[in-house]
Amino acid sequence: TRVGEQIRRRIEARLREQLPGLDVRVQAASLVEGQGIVVRGLAIADPALPTRHRQLVHVEEVHLECRTTLAELATAEPRITAIRLRRPTLHAVREPGGGWSVAPLCGRRPSAGATPVAVEDATLVVEDPVHRQWLTVRQIGLELVPEAGGVAVRGTAASDLFEQASCAGTGRRPDE
C-alpha cells in the first residue's frame, strides 16, 4: 500500500541516520492501528567489507509496539514501548586487527535503554577468517528489560557444541 511504502521509507531513513556508513534496507512495513508497526525484511550491510562479509544482520520481522494511529504517525514520531525481533541473523566476522565487523551496530541509540526488547529464534554466526574458525549459535531467545539504573537480561540458546544454554543477569546501560 501507499501508506506502507511511506512507513517503510521513513523507517529506512531513520535507521540510516542512526547507522551512518551502513547500507540499510527495509523490504516492507505496515501499521496495525492501536498495536504498532511491523517491519519485514530488515537488512543492514557494511559496503566497506568484502562482499562475503558485508551482510551484518538480517531480521525477518521487527514489531515496534506503539499505540499510534495513522493520523498520529503523520504528524509525530511514534512512542515505541517495546521491540520484538523475530528470526534475526547476526553475522559477526573478526577482523585481522582484532575488531569485529558488527561494531558499527553497537553505537549509541536515542532512548535505546528505556525500551524492552525481545529476540525470538535468532541465529548468531561468528567467523574468524584468520584462524579459519566459525561458530553458529541457533534458537537464541533473549529478553532485555529496563530496570532502575540498568537492564535485566534473560536468554537461551543452542548450538552444535551444546544442547541448550541459558543466562540471566543485570547490567548497566552503556550510556551511563
Protein backbone atom coordinates (compact mmCIF):
# COMPACT_ATOMS: atom_id res chain seq x y z
CA THR A 1 0.00 0.00 0.00
CA ARG A 2 0.99 3.62 -0.34
CA VAL A 3 0.88 4.11 3.43
CA GLY A 4 3.08 1.05 3.97
CA GLU A 5 5.60 2.39 1.47
CA GLN A 6 5.74 5.73 3.29
CA ILE A 7 6.29 3.97 6.62
CA ARG A 8 8.97 1.76 5.05
CA ARG A 9 10.87 4.75 3.67
CA ARG A 10 10.61 6.62 6.97
CA ILE A 11 11.96 3.66 8.97
CA GLU A 12 14.79 3.14 6.48
CA ALA A 13 15.74 6.83 6.68
CA ARG A 14 15.67 6.83 10.48
CA LEU A 15 17.90 3.75 10.69
CA ARG A 16 20.32 5.24 8.14
CA GLU A 17 20.62 8.32 10.36
CA GLN A 18 21.44 6.11 13.35
CA LEU A 19 23.82 3.85 11.40
CA PRO A 20 25.90 6.18 9.20
CA GLY A 21 28.02 4.45 6.60
CA LEU A 22 25.93 1.28 6.61
CA ASP A 23 23.54 0.14 3.91
CA VAL A 24 20.06 -0.20 5.46
CA ARG A 25 17.19 -1.77 3.56
CA VAL A 26 13.63 -2.49 4.63
CA GLN A 27 11.56 -4.74 2.41
CA ALA A 28 8.11 -3.72 3.74
CA ALA A 29 6.38 -2.06 6.66
CA SER A 30 2.81 -1.66 7.81
CA LEU A 31 0.85 -0.02 10.60
CA VAL A 32 -1.55 -2.06 12.69
CA GLU A 33 -3.52 0.76 14.31
CA GLY A 34 -3.50 0.65 18.09
CA GLN A 35 -0.84 -2.11 18.13
CA GLY A 36 2.21 -0.87 16.31
CA ILE A 37 4.41 -1.08 13.26
CA VAL A 38 5.51 -4.32 11.61
CA VAL A 39 8.75 -4.16 9.63
CA ARG A 40 9.61 -7.05 7.32
CA GLY A 41 12.95 -7.87 5.77
CA LEU A 42 15.32 -5.51 7.61
CA ALA A 43 18.86 -5.93 6.24
CA ILE A 44 21.93 -4.00 7.38
CA ALA A 45 25.22 -4.32 5.50
CA ASP A 46 28.63 -2.67 5.56
CA PRO A 47 29.63 -1.75 1.99
CA ALA A 48 33.26 -1.28 3.12
CA LEU A 49 33.65 -5.01 3.90
CA PRO A 50 34.49 -7.75 1.41
CA THR A 51 31.37 -8.99 -0.42
CA ARG A 52 31.26 -12.27 1.53
CA HIS A 53 31.10 -10.45 4.88
CA ARG A 54 29.02 -7.36 4.05
CA GLN A 55 25.70 -8.53 5.50
CA LEU A 56 25.84 -7.79 9.23
CA VAL A 57 22.27 -8.51 10.22
CA HIS A 58 19.02 -9.62 8.65
CA VAL A 59 15.75 -9.60 10.61
CA GLU A 60 12.69 -11.28 9.15
CA GLU A 61 10.25 -9.26 11.29
CA VAL A 62 10.51 -6.36 13.68
CA HIS A 63 7.46 -5.46 15.76
CA LEU A 64 7.54 -1.93 17.15
CA GLU A 65 4.84 -1.73 19.78
CA CYS A 66 3.21 1.68 19.83
CA ARG A 67 -0.39 2.71 20.20
CA THR A 68 -0.30 5.11 17.32
CA THR A 69 -2.84 5.82 14.63
CA LEU A 70 -2.22 6.75 11.04
CA ALA A 71 -3.08 10.39 11.80
CA GLU A 72 -0.62 10.50 14.71
CA LEU A 73 2.09 8.82 12.66
CA ALA A 74 1.77 11.51 10.00
CA THR A 75 2.49 14.30 12.49
CA ALA A 76 4.89 12.84 15.08
CA GLU A 77 7.37 10.11 15.91
CA PRO A 78 5.64 7.12 17.50
CA ARG A 79 6.36 6.40 21.17
CA ILE A 80 7.70 2.85 20.97
CA THR A 81 7.02 0.91 24.18
CA ALA A 82 8.53 -2.46 23.19
CA ILE A 83 10.55 -4.02 20.38
CA ARG A 84 10.31 -7.65 19.24
CA LEU A 85 12.82 -9.06 16.75
CA ARG A 86 11.73 -12.30 15.06
CA ARG A 87 14.23 -14.58 13.36
CA PRO A 88 17.22 -12.24 13.20
CA THR A 89 20.59 -13.48 11.91
CA LEU A 90 23.72 -11.65 13.05
CA HIS A 91 26.97 -12.38 11.18
CA ALA A 92 29.99 -11.26 13.21
CA VAL A 93 33.37 -11.51 11.50
CA ARG A 94 36.61 -10.99 13.40
CA GLU A 95 38.81 -8.54 11.55
CA PRO A 96 42.60 -9.03 11.19
CA GLY A 97 43.24 -6.25 13.76
CA GLY A 98 41.04 -7.99 16.35
CA GLY A 99 37.90 -5.85 15.95
CA TRP A 100 34.51 -7.12 14.87
CA SER A 101 32.52 -6.38 11.72
CA VAL A 102 29.38 -5.74 13.77
CA ALA A 103 30.95 -2.96 15.88
CA PRO A 104 29.14 -0.20 13.91
CA LEU A 105 25.81 -1.67 15.11
CA CYS A 106 26.78 -1.04 18.75
CA GLY A 107 26.83 2.76 18.71
CA ARG A 108 24.64 4.90 20.93
CA ARG A 109 20.92 4.91 20.18
CA PRO A 110 18.49 7.51 21.47
CA SER A 111 16.46 6.07 24.36
CA ALA A 112 17.55 2.51 23.47
CA GLY A 113 17.97 1.61 27.13
CA ALA A 114 14.41 2.57 28.06
CA THR A 115 12.58 0.15 25.75
CA PRO A 116 12.11 -3.57 26.46
CA VAL A 117 13.50 -5.75 23.68
CA ALA A 118 12.63 -9.39 22.95
CA VAL A 119 14.54 -11.50 20.44
CA GLU A 120 12.93 -14.70 19.13
CA ASP A 121 14.58 -17.56 17.23
CA ALA A 122 17.80 -15.71 16.46
CA THR A 123 20.94 -17.09 14.85
CA LEU A 124 24.45 -15.82 15.57
CA VAL A 125 27.23 -16.70 13.14
CA VAL A 126 30.72 -15.90 14.43
CA GLU A 127 33.56 -16.21 11.93
CA ASP A 128 37.32 -15.77 12.32
CA PRO A 129 38.81 -15.95 8.80
CA VAL A 130 42.40 -15.52 10.05
CA HIS A 131 42.21 -18.66 12.21
CA ARG A 132 39.67 -20.34 9.92
CA GLN A 133 37.19 -20.89 12.74
CA TRP A 134 33.47 -20.33 12.95
CA LEU A 135 30.62 -20.98 15.33
CA THR A 136 26.87 -20.90 14.79
CA VAL A 137 24.53 -20.46 17.74
CA ARG A 138 20.84 -21.06 17.00
CA GLN A 139 17.46 -20.78 18.65
CA ILE A 140 18.52 -17.73 20.61
CA GLY A 141 15.84 -16.19 22.73
CA LEU A 142 16.68 -13.03 24.61
CA GLU A 143 14.82 -10.50 26.75
CA LEU A 144 16.22 -7.13 27.75
CA VAL A 145 14.04 -5.38 30.32
CA PRO A 146 14.91 -1.91 31.62
CA GLU A 147 15.11 -1.52 35.37
CA ALA A 148 16.40 1.19 37.69
CA GLY A 149 19.96 2.02 36.64
CA GLY A 150 20.34 -0.81 34.17
CA VAL A 151 18.79 -3.68 32.32
CA ALA A 152 17.77 -7.23 33.24
CA VAL A 153 18.84 -9.87 30.71
CA ARG A 154 17.42 -13.37 30.27
CA GLY A 155 18.16 -15.70 27.42
CA THR A 156 18.55 -19.20 26.00
CA ALA A 157 20.43 -20.64 23.02
CA ALA A 158 21.56 -23.89 21.37
CA SER A 159 24.39 -24.89 19.03
CA ASP A 160 26.29 -27.88 17.70
CA LEU A 161 28.58 -27.62 20.74
CA PHE A 162 25.84 -27.62 23.38
CA GLU A 163 22.23 -28.70 23.56
CA GLN A 164 20.94 -25.65 25.43
CA ALA A 165 22.40 -22.82 27.45
CA SER A 166 20.64 -20.16 29.46
CA CYS A 167 21.68 -16.92 31.06
CA ALA A 168 20.21 -14.34 33.37
CA GLY A 169 21.67 -11.24 34.90
CA THR A 170 21.65 -7.49 35.12
CA GLY A 171 23.83 -4.89 33.54
CA ARG A 172 24.44 -1.20 33.50
CA ARG A 173 23.29 0.73 30.45
CA PRO A 174 26.24 1.60 28.18
CA ASP A 175 25.33 5.30 28.17
CA GLU A 176 25.58 5.63 31.96
